């Protein structure tokens, strides 16, 4: 079983595995020989917003789906495990790794602040300065204190996009280059 690698995708509320950050991150992992597991709970959020009254219940439902999907996985059978999350998915991946003592390296695309509460030791994170769901200054301090590289993109929103296609493509290219280096 030497050389087995696993890449688990934790999408965001409305950010599926088919959107750029997770799509290309997964493609890089696949090209590097990772087995891919996609967890899909995005149907729970088709019309939900972060401030919806039942969002906490939907997040808990999502976490139950994560636990069910990963219940039969023997993480010790893998030489490398990577959890790749987007937004809410970063909270779920970090929580799962902590609660089940999974030694997973973590890719956090636009993490939410509670993600950092789970004591992850090996992660890399990406955030935009115009992300309406994060206090970037506070998150930068937290990431630095925990030794987690946090790459900040000027003008980037919660999808790391600015509205300028050239800037957005450069950002995506940079994030994927760093993702590829992280997967080495």
Protein backbone atom coordinates (compact mmCIF):
# COMPACT_ATOMS: atom_id res chain seq x y z
CA UNK A 1 0.00 0.00 0.00
CA UNK A 2 3.03 2.25 -0.22
CA UNK A 3 2.38 5.47 -2.06
CA UNK A 4 -1.38 5.55 -1.61
CA UNK A 5 -2.72 9.09 -1.51
CA UNK A 6 -6.18 10.43 -0.72
CA UNK A 7 -7.66 13.85 -1.54
CA UNK A 8 -11.04 14.63 0.02
CA UNK A 9 -13.06 17.58 -1.31
CA UNK A 10 -15.28 19.53 1.12
CA UNK A 11 -17.27 22.07 -0.94
CA UNK A 12 -18.77 25.32 0.27
CA UNK A 13 -22.45 26.15 0.56
CA UNK A 14 -22.86 27.10 -3.07
CA UNK A 15 -19.34 26.37 -4.24
CA UNK A 16 -19.31 22.87 -5.71
CA UNK A 17 -16.42 20.65 -6.76
CA UNK A 18 -16.98 21.87 -10.32
CA UNK A 19 -16.10 25.49 -9.58
CA UNK A 20 -12.54 26.68 -10.28
CA UNK A 21 -10.72 26.38 -6.94
CA UNK A 22 -11.96 22.87 -6.16
CA UNK A 23 -12.05 21.72 -9.79
CA UNK A 24 -8.43 22.61 -10.51
CA UNK A 25 -7.26 21.60 -7.03
CA UNK A 26 -8.83 18.19 -7.59
CA UNK A 27 -7.38 17.96 -11.08
CA UNK A 28 -3.87 18.64 -9.74
CA UNK A 29 -4.37 16.01 -7.04
CA UNK A 30 -5.63 13.46 -9.60
CA UNK A 31 -2.61 14.15 -11.80
CA UNK A 32 -0.37 13.49 -8.79
CA UNK A 33 -1.97 10.09 -8.21
CA UNK A 34 -4.40 10.94 -5.44
CA UNK A 35 -7.60 8.99 -5.05
CA UNK A 36 -10.40 11.55 -4.95
CA UNK A 37 -13.43 11.52 -2.66
CA UNK A 38 -16.04 14.20 -3.25
CA UNK A 39 -18.44 14.94 -0.44
CA UNK A 40 -21.59 16.61 -1.70
CA UNK A 41 -23.92 18.35 0.69
CA UNK A 42 -24.40 21.44 -1.48
CA UNK A 43 -28.04 20.49 -2.20
CA UNK A 44 -28.80 21.50 1.39
CA UNK A 45 -27.91 25.09 0.51
CA UNK A 46 -29.50 25.74 -2.88
CA UNK A 47 -31.38 28.76 -1.54
CA UNK A 48 -29.70 29.18 1.85
CA UNK A 49 -27.55 32.10 2.84
CA UNK A 50 -25.02 32.46 5.63
CA UNK A 51 -27.54 34.43 7.67
CA UNK A 52 -30.50 32.07 7.10
CA UNK A 53 -32.21 31.09 10.38
CA UNK A 54 -31.60 27.38 9.77
CA UNK A 55 -28.02 27.63 8.49
CA UNK A 56 -26.52 26.10 11.65
CA UNK A 57 -28.84 23.09 11.34
CA UNK A 58 -27.87 22.70 7.68
CA UNK A 59 -24.18 22.86 8.58
CA UNK A 60 -24.73 20.12 11.16
CA UNK A 61 -26.59 18.06 8.55
CA UNK A 62 -23.61 18.55 6.26
CA UNK A 63 -21.25 17.38 8.98
CA UNK A 64 -23.36 14.24 9.47
CA UNK A 65 -23.02 13.59 5.73
CA UNK A 66 -19.24 14.02 6.03
CA UNK A 67 -19.12 11.50 8.87
CA UNK A 68 -21.28 9.03 6.93
CA UNK A 69 -19.21 9.39 3.73
CA UNK A 70 -15.89 8.93 5.53
CA UNK A 71 -17.00 6.31 8.08
CA UNK A 72 -15.49 3.37 6.21
CA UNK A 73 -12.25 5.04 5.16
CA UNK A 74 -9.11 3.64 6.78
CA UNK A 75 -6.98 6.77 6.71
CA UNK A 76 -3.99 4.84 8.06
CA UNK A 77 -3.89 2.92 4.76
CA UNK A 78 -2.75 6.11 3.01
CA UNK A 79 0.72 7.61 2.97
CA UNK A 80 -0.75 11.04 2.30
CA UNK A 81 -4.18 12.45 3.12
CA UNK A 82 -5.25 15.91 2.03
CA UNK A 83 -8.53 17.60 2.92
CA UNK A 84 -9.40 20.42 0.49
CA UNK A 85 -12.17 22.71 1.66
CA UNK A 86 -13.87 25.83 0.39
CA UNK A 87 -15.50 28.25 2.84
CA UNK A 88 -17.83 26.22 5.07
CA UNK A 89 -16.06 23.09 3.85
CA UNK A 90 -12.89 24.26 5.61
CA UNK A 91 -14.73 24.24 8.93
CA UNK A 92 -16.06 20.75 8.29
CA UNK A 93 -12.69 19.37 7.20
CA UNK A 94 -10.81 20.84 10.15
CA UNK A 95 -13.49 19.67 12.60
CA UNK A 96 -13.50 16.15 11.16
CA UNK A 97 -9.70 15.89 11.24
CA UNK A 98 -9.66 17.01 14.87
CA UNK A 99 -12.56 14.87 16.10
CA UNK A 100 -11.36 11.71 14.35
CA UNK A 101 -7.61 12.32 14.77
CA UNK A 102 -6.99 12.20 11.02
CA UNK A 103 -3.51 13.38 10.10
CA UNK A 104 -4.52 15.28 6.99
CA UNK A 105 -2.75 18.15 5.32
CA UNK A 106 -5.37 20.80 4.63
CA UNK A 107 -5.99 23.16 1.74
CA UNK A 108 -8.27 25.97 2.84
CA UNK A 109 -9.77 28.02 0.03
CA UNK A 110 -11.38 31.12 1.61
CA UNK A 111 -11.69 29.62 5.09
CA UNK A 112 -14.14 30.91 7.64
CA UNK A 113 -12.67 32.01 10.98
CA UNK A 114 -13.98 29.03 13.02
CA UNK A 115 -11.80 26.78 10.83
CA UNK A 116 -8.76 27.92 12.80
CA UNK A 117 -10.28 26.70 16.09
CA UNK A 118 -9.55 23.04 15.35
CA UNK A 119 -5.80 22.94 15.93
CA UNK A 120 -4.69 21.97 12.44
CA UNK A 121 -0.92 21.67 12.21
CA UNK A 122 -0.44 21.34 8.45
CA UNK A 123 -2.46 23.70 6.29
CA UNK A 124 -2.25 26.40 3.68
CA UNK A 125 -4.97 29.02 3.27
CA UNK A 126 -6.10 31.55 0.65
CA UNK A 127 -8.29 34.62 1.25
CA UNK A 128 -9.26 37.83 -0.54
CA UNK A 129 -9.16 41.29 1.02
CA UNK A 130 -12.79 41.90 -0.01
CA UNK A 131 -14.13 38.65 1.44
CA UNK A 132 -17.35 39.72 3.18
CA UNK A 133 -17.34 36.66 5.46
CA UNK A 134 -13.91 37.18 7.01
CA UNK A 135 -11.98 39.71 9.00
CA UNK A 136 -8.79 39.34 6.99
CA UNK A 137 -6.59 41.20 9.49
CA UNK A 138 -7.75 39.03 12.38
CA UNK A 139 -7.49 35.88 10.28
CA UNK A 140 -3.94 36.84 9.25
CA UNK A 141 -2.94 37.19 12.91
CA UNK A 142 -4.52 33.85 13.80
CA UNK A 143 -2.89 32.06 10.86
CA UNK A 144 0.51 33.54 11.72
CA UNK A 145 0.18 32.51 15.37
CA UNK A 146 -0.64 28.95 14.28
CA UNK A 147 2.10 28.78 11.65
CA UNK A 148 -0.36 28.43 8.78
CA UNK A 149 0.62 30.22 5.57
CA UNK A 150 -2.23 32.53 4.57
CA UNK A 151 -2.04 33.94 1.06
CA UNK A 152 -4.03 37.17 0.74
CA UNK A 153 -5.25 38.43 -2.64
CA UNK A 154 -5.94 42.13 -3.03
CA UNK A 155 -9.53 42.84 -3.99
CA UNK A 156 -10.52 39.17 -3.99
CA UNK A 157 -14.02 38.28 -2.83
CA UNK A 158 -15.18 35.03 -1.22
CA UNK A 159 -14.29 33.20 -4.45
CA UNK A 160 -10.99 35.11 -4.75
CA UNK A 161 -12.45 37.00 -7.71
CA UNK A 162 -12.18 40.74 -8.35
CA UNK A 163 -14.33 41.12 -11.45
CA UNK A 164 -11.28 41.72 -13.63
CA UNK A 165 -10.81 38.54 -15.65
CA UNK A 166 -7.04 38.94 -16.10
CA UNK A 167 -6.51 39.47 -12.37
CA UNK A 168 -8.80 36.55 -11.55
CA UNK A 169 -6.97 34.19 -13.90
CA UNK A 170 -3.61 35.25 -12.45
CA UNK A 171 -4.94 34.68 -8.93
CA UNK A 172 -6.30 31.25 -9.85
CA UNK A 173 -2.95 30.39 -11.44
CA UNK A 174 -1.06 31.47 -8.33
CA UNK A 175 -3.39 29.55 -6.01
CA UNK A 176 -3.03 26.40 -8.14
CA UNK A 177 0.76 26.75 -8.27
CA UNK A 178 0.80 26.93 -4.46
CA UNK A 179 -1.68 24.04 -4.30
CA UNK A 180 0.60 21.93 -6.49
CA UNK A 181 3.63 22.76 -4.31
CA UNK A 182 1.64 21.87 -1.18
CA UNK A 183 0.81 18.46 -2.67
CA UNK A 184 4.49 17.56 -3.26
